[in-house]
Amino acid sequence: PRRTAMREDLQALLALDPDQPGAHGMLGTYHFAIGDYEAAISHLEAEVAGDRFDPSSAGDLECRYLLALIYTDHRRDPAK
């Protein structure tokens, strides 16, 4: 129940402000934790796409780390 509430809270926050800093990463982390990799990939990629990536941001670094785990451990894709 707590996980569901967390997901709903993050989705509501993103519905109000799609560019809320860190929210996509938190939602991606949530999806990664429960194994919903399709959703996690799109959220994590959105968080660190192009000039949105901030190398000084712990959240952005975590997004890149989670993407690396997904690409290497769960979705082996040499292009990524």
Protein backbone atom coordinates (compact mmCIF):
# COMPACT_ATOMS: atom_id res chain seq x y z
CA PRO A 1 0.00 0.00 0.00
CA ARG A 2 2.80 2.48 0.76
CA ARG A 3 4.40 1.83 -2.62
CA THR A 4 1.13 2.42 -4.41
CA ALA A 5 0.62 5.68 -2.53
CA MET A 6 4.15 6.78 -3.41
CA ARG A 7 3.58 6.06 -7.10
CA GLU A 8 0.25 7.90 -7.09
CA ASP A 9 1.78 10.89 -5.30
CA LEU A 10 4.61 11.11 -7.83
CA GLN A 11 2.23 10.75 -10.77
CA ALA A 12 -0.01 13.48 -9.34
CA LEU A 13 3.01 15.75 -8.87
CA LEU A 14 4.13 15.15 -12.45
CA ALA A 15 0.61 15.81 -13.73
CA LEU A 16 0.80 19.26 -12.11
CA ASP A 17 4.38 19.97 -13.11
CA PRO A 18 5.93 17.62 -15.71
CA ASP A 19 9.33 19.22 -15.17
CA GLN A 20 9.40 18.88 -11.38
CA PRO A 21 13.11 18.32 -10.61
CA GLY A 22 13.83 14.81 -9.46
CA ALA A 23 10.26 13.51 -9.68
CA HIS A 24 10.87 11.48 -12.82
CA GLY A 25 13.94 9.97 -11.23
CA MET A 26 12.01 9.03 -8.10
CA LEU A 27 9.24 7.50 -10.18
CA GLY A 28 11.84 5.68 -12.25
CA THR A 29 13.47 4.38 -9.08
CA TYR A 30 10.07 3.20 -7.91
CA HIS A 31 9.48 1.36 -11.17
CA PHE A 32 13.00 -0.10 -11.11
CA ALA A 33 12.46 -1.36 -7.57
CA ILE A 34 9.33 -3.26 -8.53
CA GLY A 35 10.72 -4.47 -11.84
CA ASP A 36 8.59 -2.39 -14.20
CA TYR A 37 11.51 -1.70 -16.51
CA GLU A 38 9.53 -0.37 -19.49
CA ALA A 39 8.15 2.50 -17.43
CA ALA A 40 11.41 3.07 -15.59
CA ILE A 41 13.40 3.47 -18.78
CA SER A 42 11.18 6.20 -20.19
CA HIS A 43 11.08 8.14 -16.91
CA LEU A 44 14.78 7.83 -16.23
CA GLU A 45 15.71 8.81 -19.78
CA ALA A 46 13.43 11.85 -19.58
CA GLU A 47 15.12 12.94 -16.36
CA VAL A 48 18.62 13.04 -17.87
CA ALA A 49 17.93 13.71 -21.55
CA GLY A 50 20.10 16.25 -23.33
CA ASP A 51 20.74 19.46 -21.43
CA ARG A 52 18.50 18.31 -18.56
CA PHE A 53 21.40 16.22 -17.21
CA ASP A 54 23.21 17.97 -14.38
CA PRO A 55 26.40 16.13 -13.40
CA SER A 56 26.37 17.86 -10.00
CA SER A 57 22.89 16.52 -9.20
CA ALA A 58 22.79 13.35 -7.10
CA GLY A 59 19.38 12.53 -8.57
CA ASP A 60 20.60 12.80 -12.14
CA LEU A 61 23.62 10.65 -11.35
CA GLU A 62 21.33 8.06 -9.77
CA CYS A 63 19.16 8.11 -12.91
CA ARG A 64 22.19 7.41 -15.09
CA TYR A 65 23.29 4.66 -12.70
CA LEU A 66 19.85 3.00 -12.79
CA LEU A 67 19.78 3.23 -16.59
CA ALA A 68 23.21 1.63 -16.72
CA LEU A 69 21.96 -1.22 -14.51
CA ILE A 70 18.90 -1.72 -16.67
CA TYR A 71 20.89 -1.63 -19.91
CA THR A 72 23.63 -3.99 -18.67
CA ASP A 73 21.82 -6.34 -16.31
CA HIS A 74 18.26 -6.51 -17.60
CA ARG A 75 18.26 -5.27 -21.18
CA ARG A 76 21.56 -5.99 -22.81
CA ASP A 77 21.65 -3.53 -25.69
CA PRO A 78 25.09 -2.63 -27.04
CA ALA A 79 23.64 0.54 -28.59
CA LYS A 80 22.87 1.92 -25.11
